[in-house]
C-alpha cells in the first residue's frame, strides 16, 4: 500500500509542476498583448509568486514523502495547483 501512496504523492507533484509550466506558457502568451508597464509587472508578479509557491509545495512534498507521510505529501503538493486553478478562474470571471 505504501507504494501506491507514494505514487499518488509523486503524481501530485508532477501535476503541480505541469500546472506551473502551463501557467508560465499562458502568462507568456498574455504578455504579448500587454502595452503598459504596470500590467506587465502585475502579470510577472503573479508568475513569480505562484512559481515560488509551487516550488515550496513540491519541495515540502518531497520532504514529507521521505518521512513516509504520503497523504500529507500529496495534499501539500497539490495545493499550489488548486490555487493556480482558482487564480485562473478568477482572472477569467472578474470584470476588466
N, C-alpha and C. Protein backbone atom coordinates (compact mmCIF):
# COMPACT_ATOMS: atom_id res chain seq x y z
N UNK A 1 0.80 -1.19 0.00
CA UNK A 1 0.00 0.00 0.00
C UNK A 1 0.86 1.27 0.00
N UNK A 2 2.01 1.22 0.65
CA UNK A 2 2.89 2.38 0.68
C UNK A 2 3.36 2.76 -0.71
N UNK A 3 3.54 1.75 -1.57
CA UNK A 3 3.99 2.02 -2.93
C UNK A 3 2.96 2.85 -3.68
N UNK A 4 1.69 2.47 -3.57
CA UNK A 4 0.63 3.20 -4.26
C UNK A 4 0.46 4.61 -3.68
N UNK A 5 0.61 4.74 -2.38
CA UNK A 5 0.51 6.05 -1.77
C UNK A 5 1.65 6.96 -2.21
N UNK A 6 2.84 6.40 -2.31
CA UNK A 6 3.97 7.22 -2.77
C UNK A 6 3.80 7.60 -4.23
N UNK A 7 3.23 6.71 -5.04
CA UNK A 7 2.96 7.04 -6.44
C UNK A 7 1.94 8.18 -6.52
N UNK A 8 0.93 8.16 -5.67
CA UNK A 8 -0.05 9.24 -5.64
C UNK A 8 0.58 10.58 -5.27
N UNK A 9 1.48 10.57 -4.29
CA UNK A 9 2.15 11.81 -3.90
C UNK A 9 3.05 12.32 -5.02
N UNK A 10 3.74 11.41 -5.69
CA UNK A 10 4.60 11.81 -6.81
C UNK A 10 3.75 12.34 -7.96
N UNK A 11 2.60 11.73 -8.20
CA UNK A 11 1.69 12.22 -9.25
C UNK A 11 1.19 13.62 -8.91
N UNK A 12 0.94 13.90 -7.65
CA UNK A 12 0.51 15.24 -7.24
C UNK A 12 1.61 16.27 -7.50
N UNK A 13 2.86 15.88 -7.27
CA UNK A 13 3.98 16.78 -7.54
C UNK A 13 4.14 17.03 -9.04
N UNK A 14 3.96 15.98 -9.83
CA UNK A 14 4.04 16.14 -11.29
C UNK A 14 2.90 17.02 -11.78
N UNK A 15 1.73 16.87 -11.20
CA UNK A 15 0.58 17.71 -11.55
C UNK A 15 0.88 19.17 -11.26
N UNK A 16 1.47 19.46 -10.12
CA UNK A 16 1.80 20.83 -9.77
C UNK A 16 2.86 21.39 -10.71
N UNK A 17 3.85 20.59 -11.05
CA UNK A 17 4.87 21.04 -11.99
C UNK A 17 4.25 21.33 -13.36
N UNK A 18 3.34 20.49 -13.80
CA UNK A 18 2.66 20.71 -15.07
C UNK A 18 1.78 21.94 -15.05
N UNK A 19 1.09 22.16 -13.95
CA UNK A 19 0.26 23.37 -13.82
C UNK A 19 1.12 24.63 -13.83
N UNK A 20 2.28 24.56 -13.19
CA UNK A 20 3.19 25.70 -13.18
C UNK A 20 3.70 25.99 -14.58
N UNK A 21 4.08 24.96 -15.31
CA UNK A 21 4.55 25.14 -16.68
C UNK A 21 3.44 25.73 -17.55
N UNK A 22 2.22 25.25 -17.38
CA UNK A 22 1.09 25.78 -18.13
C UNK A 22 0.84 27.24 -17.78
N UNK A 23 0.97 27.58 -16.51
CA UNK A 23 0.80 28.96 -16.08
C UNK A 23 1.86 29.85 -16.72
N UNK A 24 3.10 29.37 -16.82
CA UNK A 24 4.16 30.14 -17.48
C UNK A 24 3.82 30.39 -18.95
N UNK A 25 3.34 29.35 -19.63
CA UNK A 25 3.01 29.47 -21.05
C UNK A 25 1.85 30.44 -21.26
N UNK A 26 0.80 30.32 -20.46
CA UNK A 26 -0.33 31.23 -20.59
C UNK A 26 0.08 32.67 -20.27
N UNK A 27 0.93 32.83 -19.28
CA UNK A 27 1.37 34.18 -18.92
C UNK A 27 2.24 34.78 -20.02
N UNK A 28 3.11 33.98 -20.60
CA UNK A 28 3.94 34.47 -21.70
C UNK A 28 3.08 34.84 -22.90
N UNK A 29 2.04 34.07 -23.15
CA UNK A 29 1.14 34.38 -24.26
C UNK A 29 0.35 35.66 -23.98
N UNK A 30 -0.05 35.86 -22.75
CA UNK A 30 -0.81 37.07 -22.43
C UNK A 30 0.07 38.31 -22.44
N UNK A 31 1.36 38.16 -22.19
CA UNK A 31 2.26 39.31 -22.19
C UNK A 31 2.49 39.86 -23.59
N UNK A 32 2.18 39.08 -24.63
CA UNK A 32 2.34 39.57 -25.99
C UNK A 32 1.36 40.71 -26.29
N UNK A 33 0.26 40.76 -25.57
CA UNK A 33 -0.76 41.78 -25.80
C UNK A 33 -0.71 42.93 -24.81
N UNK A 34 0.28 42.95 -23.95
CA UNK A 34 0.35 43.98 -22.91
C UNK A 34 1.14 45.17 -23.45
N UNK A 35 0.55 46.35 -23.29
CA UNK A 35 1.23 47.54 -23.78
C UNK A 35 1.79 48.40 -22.64
N UNK A 36 1.14 48.41 -21.49
CA UNK A 36 1.62 49.24 -20.41
C UNK A 36 2.47 48.45 -19.43
N UNK A 37 3.37 49.16 -18.79
CA UNK A 37 4.34 48.54 -17.89
C UNK A 37 3.70 48.00 -16.62
N UNK A 38 2.66 48.64 -16.12
CA UNK A 38 2.05 48.20 -14.86
C UNK A 38 1.37 46.84 -15.03
N UNK A 39 0.73 46.63 -16.17
CA UNK A 39 0.10 45.32 -16.41
C UNK A 39 1.17 44.24 -16.55
N UNK A 40 2.27 44.57 -17.19
CA UNK A 40 3.38 43.62 -17.32
C UNK A 40 3.92 43.24 -15.95
N UNK A 41 4.13 44.22 -15.10
CA UNK A 41 4.64 43.94 -13.76
C UNK A 41 3.64 43.14 -12.93
N UNK A 42 2.35 43.40 -13.10
CA UNK A 42 1.33 42.65 -12.37
C UNK A 42 1.33 41.18 -12.78
N UNK A 43 1.41 40.93 -14.09
CA UNK A 43 1.44 39.54 -14.57
C UNK A 43 2.71 38.84 -14.10
N UNK A 44 3.83 39.53 -14.18
CA UNK A 44 5.09 38.91 -13.76
C UNK A 44 5.12 38.67 -12.26
N UNK A 45 4.49 39.53 -11.47
CA UNK A 45 4.45 39.28 -10.03
C UNK A 45 3.60 38.05 -9.72
N UNK A 46 2.47 37.86 -10.45
CA UNK A 46 1.68 36.64 -10.28
C UNK A 46 2.51 35.42 -10.63
N UNK A 47 3.26 35.50 -11.72
CA UNK A 47 4.07 34.36 -12.16
C UNK A 47 5.12 34.01 -11.11
N UNK A 48 5.79 35.02 -10.59
CA UNK A 48 6.84 34.77 -9.60
C UNK A 48 6.26 34.20 -8.31
N UNK A 49 5.18 34.79 -7.82
CA UNK A 49 4.59 34.33 -6.56
C UNK A 49 4.08 32.89 -6.70
N UNK A 50 3.36 32.60 -7.77
CA UNK A 50 2.83 31.25 -7.94
C UNK A 50 3.94 30.23 -8.21
N UNK A 51 5.01 30.65 -8.89
CA UNK A 51 6.13 29.74 -9.12
C UNK A 51 6.85 29.40 -7.81
N UNK A 52 7.07 30.41 -6.99
CA UNK A 52 7.72 30.16 -5.69
C UNK A 52 6.83 29.27 -4.83
N UNK A 53 5.52 29.53 -4.85
CA UNK A 53 4.59 28.72 -4.08
C UNK A 53 4.61 27.27 -4.57
N UNK A 54 4.71 27.07 -5.87
CA UNK A 54 4.78 25.71 -6.42
C UNK A 54 6.06 25.00 -6.02
N UNK A 55 7.16 25.72 -6.06
CA UNK A 55 8.44 25.13 -5.66
C UNK A 55 8.41 24.74 -4.19
N UNK A 56 7.86 25.61 -3.36
CA UNK A 56 7.74 25.29 -1.93
C UNK A 56 6.85 24.07 -1.72
N UNK A 57 5.75 23.98 -2.46
CA UNK A 57 4.86 22.83 -2.34
C UNK A 57 5.52 21.53 -2.76
N UNK A 58 6.27 21.57 -3.85
CA UNK A 58 6.93 20.35 -4.33
C UNK A 58 8.06 19.94 -3.39
N UNK A 59 8.85 20.89 -2.94
CA UNK A 59 9.95 20.56 -2.01
C UNK A 59 9.40 20.05 -0.68
N UNK A 60 8.33 20.67 -0.20
CA UNK A 60 7.70 20.19 1.04
C UNK A 60 7.12 18.80 0.84
N UNK A 61 6.53 18.55 -0.32
CA UNK A 61 6.02 17.22 -0.63
C UNK A 61 7.11 16.17 -0.64
N UNK A 62 8.26 16.51 -1.20
CA UNK A 62 9.38 15.58 -1.21
C UNK A 62 9.87 15.31 0.20
N UNK A 63 9.96 16.36 1.02
CA UNK A 63 10.40 16.18 2.41
C UNK A 63 9.42 15.30 3.18
N UNK A 64 8.13 15.52 2.97
CA UNK A 64 7.13 14.68 3.65
C UNK A 64 7.12 13.26 3.10
N UNK A 65 7.40 13.12 1.83
CA UNK A 65 7.47 11.78 1.23
C UNK A 65 8.63 10.98 1.82
N UNK A 66 9.74 11.65 2.07
CA UNK A 66 10.89 10.98 2.68
C UNK A 66 10.61 10.58 4.13
N UNK A 67 9.71 11.28 4.78
CA UNK A 67 9.32 10.95 6.15
C UNK A 67 8.15 9.98 6.20
N UNK A 68 7.76 9.47 5.03
CA UNK A 68 6.69 8.48 4.90
C UNK A 68 5.33 9.03 5.32
N UNK A 69 5.09 10.31 5.08
CA UNK A 69 3.79 10.95 5.31
C UNK A 69 3.15 11.17 3.95
N UNK A 70 2.63 10.09 3.38
CA UNK A 70 2.22 10.08 1.98
C UNK A 70 1.01 10.96 1.71
N UNK A 71 -0.02 10.86 2.53
CA UNK A 71 -1.23 11.65 2.30
C UNK A 71 -0.96 13.14 2.47
N UNK A 72 -0.18 13.48 3.48
CA UNK A 72 0.17 14.88 3.69
C UNK A 72 1.04 15.40 2.56
N UNK A 73 1.94 14.57 2.06
CA UNK A 73 2.79 14.96 0.94
C UNK A 73 1.97 15.23 -0.31
N UNK A 74 0.99 14.38 -0.57
CA UNK A 74 0.13 14.59 -1.73
C UNK A 74 -0.70 15.85 -1.58
N UNK A 75 -1.22 16.09 -0.39
CA UNK A 75 -2.03 17.29 -0.16
C UNK A 75 -1.20 18.55 -0.32
N UNK A 76 -0.03 18.57 0.29
CA UNK A 76 0.83 19.75 0.21
C UNK A 76 1.29 19.98 -1.23
N UNK A 77 1.52 18.92 -1.97
CA UNK A 77 2.00 19.07 -3.34
C UNK A 77 0.90 19.54 -4.29
N UNK A 78 -0.36 19.22 -4.01
CA UNK A 78 -1.43 19.58 -4.93
C UNK A 78 -2.08 20.93 -4.60
N UNK A 79 -1.83 21.48 -3.44
CA UNK A 79 -2.42 22.76 -3.06
C UNK A 79 -2.03 23.89 -4.02
N UNK A 80 -0.76 24.01 -4.46
CA UNK A 80 -0.45 25.07 -5.43
C UNK A 80 -1.22 24.93 -6.74
N UNK A 81 -1.50 23.72 -7.17
CA UNK A 81 -2.30 23.52 -8.38
C UNK A 81 -3.71 24.04 -8.18
N UNK A 82 -4.28 23.77 -7.03
CA UNK A 82 -5.64 24.25 -6.74
C UNK A 82 -5.67 25.78 -6.68
N UNK A 83 -4.65 26.37 -6.11
CA UNK A 83 -4.60 27.84 -6.02
C UNK A 83 -4.43 28.44 -7.42
N UNK A 84 -3.61 27.81 -8.26
CA UNK A 84 -3.46 28.30 -9.63
C UNK A 84 -4.77 28.19 -10.41
N UNK A 85 -5.52 27.12 -10.17
CA UNK A 85 -6.81 26.96 -10.83
C UNK A 85 -7.78 28.05 -10.39
N UNK A 86 -7.82 28.32 -9.09
CA UNK A 86 -8.69 29.38 -8.58
C UNK A 86 -8.27 30.74 -9.14
N UNK A 87 -6.97 30.99 -9.23
CA UNK A 87 -6.49 32.26 -9.80
C UNK A 87 -6.87 32.38 -11.27
N UNK A 88 -6.79 31.28 -12.01
CA UNK A 88 -7.17 31.30 -13.42
C UNK A 88 -8.65 31.59 -13.58
N UNK A 89 -9.49 30.92 -12.79
CA UNK A 89 -10.93 31.17 -12.87
C UNK A 89 -11.25 32.60 -12.47
N UNK A 90 -10.57 33.10 -11.45
CA UNK A 90 -10.79 34.47 -11.00
C UNK A 90 -10.42 35.46 -12.11
N UNK A 91 -9.31 35.22 -12.80
CA UNK A 91 -8.90 36.12 -13.88
C UNK A 91 -9.88 36.08 -15.05
N UNK A 92 -10.48 34.92 -15.30
CA UNK A 92 -11.42 34.80 -16.40
C UNK A 92 -12.76 35.43 -16.05
N UNK A 93 -13.22 35.23 -14.83
CA UNK A 93 -14.56 35.66 -14.43
C UNK A 93 -14.63 37.14 -14.06
N UNK A 94 -13.60 37.68 -13.48
CA UNK A 94 -13.67 39.04 -12.97
C UNK A 94 -13.86 40.04 -14.13
N UNK A 95 -14.61 41.09 -13.88
CA UNK A 95 -14.78 42.10 -14.92
C UNK A 95 -13.52 42.94 -15.08
N UNK A 96 -13.22 43.31 -16.28
CA UNK A 96 -11.99 44.08 -16.54
C UNK A 96 -12.18 45.54 -16.25
